[in-house]
C-alpha atoms as a PDB file:
ATOM      1  CA  MET A   1     -22.693-212.161 172.627  1.00  0.00           C
ATOM      2  CA  GLU A   2     -22.526-211.305 176.384  1.00  0.00           C
ATOM      3  CA  HIS A   3     -19.975-208.910 177.351  1.00  0.00           C
ATOM      4  CA  ASP A   4     -17.508-210.145 180.343  1.00  0.00           C
ATOM      5  CA  PRO A   5     -16.189-207.186 182.445  1.00  0.00           C
ATOM      6  CA  VAL A   6     -13.256-209.392 184.573  1.00  0.00           C
ATOM      7  CA  ASP A   7     -12.596-210.769 181.080  1.00  0.00           C
ATOM      8  CA  VAL A   8      -8.267-210.014 181.751  1.00  0.00           C
ATOM      9  CA  ALA A   9      -7.523-211.070 177.745  1.00  0.00           C
ATOM     10  CA  LEU A  10     -10.511-209.271 176.269  1.00  0.00           C
ATOM     11  CA  LEU A  11      -9.848-206.028 178.218  1.00  0.00           C
ATOM     12  CA  GLU A  12      -6.112-206.005 177.041  1.00  0.00           C
ATOM     13  CA  ALA A  13      -7.032-206.788 173.879  1.00  0.00           C
ATOM     14  CA  ARG A  14      -8.995-203.938 173.139  1.00  0.00           C
ATOM     15  CA  SER A  15      -6.974-201.328 175.392  1.00  0.00           C
ATOM     16  CA  ALA A  16      -3.786-202.957 172.449  1.00  0.00           C
ATOM     17  CA  GLU A  17      -6.127-201.849 169.784  1.00  0.00           C
ATOM     18  CA  ALA A  18      -7.099-198.439 171.504  1.00  0.00           C
ATOM     19  CA  GLU A  19      -2.970-198.054 172.118  1.00  0.00           C
ATOM     20  CA  GLU A  20      -2.812-198.614 168.475  1.00  0.00           C
ATOM     21  CA  LYS A  21      -5.191-196.563 167.132  1.00  0.00           C
ATOM     22  CA  ALA A  22      -3.766-193.997 168.862  1.00  0.00           C
ATOM     23  CA  ARG A  23      -0.297-194.237 167.478  1.00  0.00           C
ATOM     24  CA  VAL A  24      -1.462-195.040 163.900  1.00  0.00           C
ATOM     25  CA  GLU A  25      -3.690-191.263 164.732  1.00  0.00           C
ATOM     26  CA  ARG A  26      -0.635-189.203 166.107  1.00  0.00           C
ATOM     27  CA  LEU A  27       1.150-190.616 163.423  1.00  0.00           C
ATOM     28  CA  THR A  28      -0.743-189.337 160.708  1.00  0.00           C
ATOM     29  CA  GLU A  29      -0.765-186.545 162.392  1.00  0.00           C
ATOM     30  CA  LEU A  30       2.621-185.996 162.545  1.00  0.00           C
ATOM     31  CA  GLY A  31       2.912-186.732 158.957  1.00  0.00           C
ATOM     32  CA  ASP A  32       0.662-183.927 158.189  1.00  0.00           C
ATOM     33  CA  PHE A  33       2.490-181.469 160.311  1.00  0.00           C
ATOM     34  CA  LYS A  34       5.401-181.803 158.642  1.00  0.00           C
ATOM     35  CA  TRP A  35       3.664-181.802 155.005  1.00  0.00           C
ATOM     36  CA  ILE A  36       2.505-178.367 155.870  1.00  0.00           C
ATOM     37  CA  VAL A  37       5.675-177.093 156.794  1.00  0.00           C
ATOM     38  CA  SER A  38       7.185-178.435 154.530  1.00  0.00           C
ATOM     39  CA  ASN A  39       6.237-175.673 151.822  1.00  0.00           C
ATOM     40  CA  LYS A  40       6.500-171.837 151.620  1.00  0.00           C
ATOM     41  CA  ARG A  41       3.067-171.464 152.276  1.00  0.00           C
ATOM     42  CA  GLY A  42       2.367-173.717 155.159  1.00  0.00           C
ATOM     43  CA  ARG A  43       5.074-172.613 156.790  1.00  0.00           C
ATOM     44  CA  ARG A  44       3.644-168.811 156.129  1.00  0.00           C
ATOM     45  CA  PHE A  45       0.381-170.250 157.528  1.00  0.00           C
ATOM     46  CA  VAL A  46       2.221-172.320 160.426  1.00  0.00           C
ATOM     47  CA  TRP A  47       3.959-168.119 161.100  1.00  0.00           C
ATOM     48  CA  ARG A  48       0.578-166.782 161.366  1.00  0.00           C
ATOM     49  CA  LEU A  49      -1.092-168.738 164.034  1.00  0.00           C
ATOM     50  CA  LEU A  50       1.808-168.557 165.920  1.00  0.00           C
ATOM     51  CA  GLU A  51       1.590-164.760 165.776  1.00  0.00           C
ATOM     52  CA  GLN A  52      -2.107-164.586 166.198  1.00  0.00           C
ATOM     53  CA  ALA A  53      -1.890-167.154 169.322  1.00  0.00           C
ATOM     54  CA  GLY A  54       0.290-164.325 171.195  1.00  0.00           C
ATOM     55  CA  VAL A  55       3.516-167.022 171.583  1.00  0.00           C
ATOM     56  CA  PHE A  56       6.185-163.749 171.036  1.00  0.00           C
ATOM     57  CA  ARG A  57       4.095-161.514 173.399  1.00  0.00           C
ATOM     58  CA  LEU A  58       2.871-161.336 176.419  1.00  0.00           C
ATOM     59  CA  SER A  59      -0.574-162.471 177.616  1.00  0.00           C
ATOM     60  CA  PHE A  60      -1.143-159.855 180.202  1.00  0.00           C
ATOM     61  CA  THR A  61      -3.259-156.907 179.936  1.00  0.00           C
ATOM     62  CA  PRO A  62      -2.875-154.237 182.711  1.00  0.00           C
ATOM     63  CA  GLY A  63      -6.349-153.820 185.088  1.00  0.00           C
ATOM     64  CA  ASP A  64      -8.184-157.023 182.867  1.00  0.00           C
ATOM     65  CA  GLN A  65      -7.883-160.402 184.630  1.00  0.00           C
ATOM     66  CA  ALA A  66     -10.386-161.847 182.187  1.00  0.00           C
ATOM     67  CA  LEU A  67      -8.633-160.776 178.831  1.00  0.00           C
ATOM     68  CA  THR A  68      -5.169-161.833 180.380  1.00  0.00           C
ATOM     69  CA  THR A  69      -6.572-165.156 180.745  1.00  0.00           C
ATOM     70  CA  PHE A  70      -8.367-165.582 177.691  1.00  0.00           C
ATOM     71  CA  ASN A  71      -4.757-164.332 175.777  1.00  0.00           C
ATOM     72  CA  GLU A  72      -3.106-166.744 178.007  1.00  0.00           C
ATOM     73  CA  GLY A  73      -5.249-169.335 176.267  1.00  0.00           C
ATOM     74  CA  ARG A  74      -4.254-168.789 172.814  1.00  0.00           C
ATOM     75  CA  ARG A  75      -1.208-168.320 174.007  1.00  0.00           C
ATOM     76  CA  ASN A  76      -1.082-171.942 175.188  1.00  0.00           C
ATOM     77  CA  PHE A  77      -2.477-173.065 171.509  1.00  0.00           C
ATOM     78  CA  GLY A  78       0.546-171.257 169.524  1.00  0.00           C
ATOM     79  CA  LEU A  79       2.883-173.320 172.026  1.00  0.00           C
ATOM     80  CA  GLN A  80       1.492-175.994 171.610  1.00  0.00           C
ATOM     81  CA  VAL A  81       1.991-175.330 167.846  1.00  0.00           C
ATOM     82  CA  TRP A  82       5.908-174.127 168.264  1.00  0.00           C
ATOM     83  CA  ALA A  83       6.195-177.140 170.414  1.00  0.00           C
ATOM     84  CA  MET A  84       5.622-179.645 167.258  1.00  0.00           C
ATOM     85  CA  ILE A  85       7.562-177.598 165.119  1.00  0.00           C
ATOM     86  CA  GLN A  86      10.726-177.399 167.868  1.00  0.00           C
ATOM     87  CA  GLU A  87      10.341-181.623 168.212  1.00  0.00           C
ATOM     88  CA  HIS A  88       8.946-182.257 164.678  1.00  0.00           C
ATOM     89  CA  ALA A  89      10.350-180.222 162.182  1.00  0.00           C
ATOM     90  CA  PRO A  90      13.106-177.713 164.068  1.00  0.00           C
ATOM     91  CA  GLU A  91      14.669-176.830 160.402  1.00  0.00           C
ATOM     92  CA  SER A  92      11.359-175.605 159.343  1.00  0.00           C
ATOM     93  CA  TYR A  93      11.845-172.595 162.761  1.00  0.00           C
ATOM     94  CA  ALA A  94      14.520-171.251 161.190  1.00  0.00           C
ATOM     95  CA  LEU A  95      13.278-171.148 157.617  1.00  0.00           C
ATOM     96  CA  MET A  96       9.824-169.414 158.973  1.00  0.00           C
ATOM     97  CA  LEU A  97      12.067-167.383 160.724  1.00  0.00           C
ATOM     98  CA  SER A  98      14.161-166.317 157.937  1.00  0.00           C
ATOM     99  CA  GLU A  99      11.240-165.740 155.041  1.00  0.00           C
ATOM    100  CA  ARG A 100       8.947-163.671 157.538  1.00  0.00           C
ATOM    101  CA  ASN A 101      11.920-161.629 157.481  1.00  0.00           C
ATOM    102  CA  ASP A 102      12.595-161.665 153.887  1.00  0.00           C
ATOM    103  CA  ARG A 103       8.751-160.299 153.822  1.00  0.00           C
ATOM    104  CA  ARG A 104       9.088-157.248 156.256  1.00  0.00           C
ATOM    105  CA  ASN A 105      12.096-156.687 154.105  1.00  0.00           C
ATOM    106  CA  ASP A 106      10.273-156.262 151.266  1.00  0.00           C
ATOM    107  CA  ARG A 107       7.661-153.828 152.104  1.00  0.00           C
ATOM    108  CA  PRO A 108       7.587-150.604 150.659  1.00  0.00           C
ATOM    109  CA  ASP A 109       7.412-149.369 154.030  1.00  0.00           C
ATOM    110  CA  ASN A 110      11.012-150.252 155.454  1.00  0.00           C
ATOM    111  CA  ALA A 111      12.332-148.878 152.020  1.00  0.00           C
ATOM    112  CA  SER A 112      14.955-146.961 154.397  1.00  0.00           C
END
């Protein structure tokens, strides 16, 4: 069967199918994310991603524009993860922060 590029009904049906597929993929992605941050190990992992991405520090590196640009790209990814937390699992952020503080307080070098 030959494809008719001006078949509006067919084009609309394909567009609707693509939109539905994207919607289902997004719901799956969000479900996966919520599952990850629903347990302590997942939250610990996500917190490490945020720290490694540099979300909580400046990207600027004096005298090194290339490194600044690299750091800002990494930070941008971390901010995307942080935005997902804020939008879809905001309660997990406070929990991650509390758990991180608990881990820091349990370290022997902080026993003052």
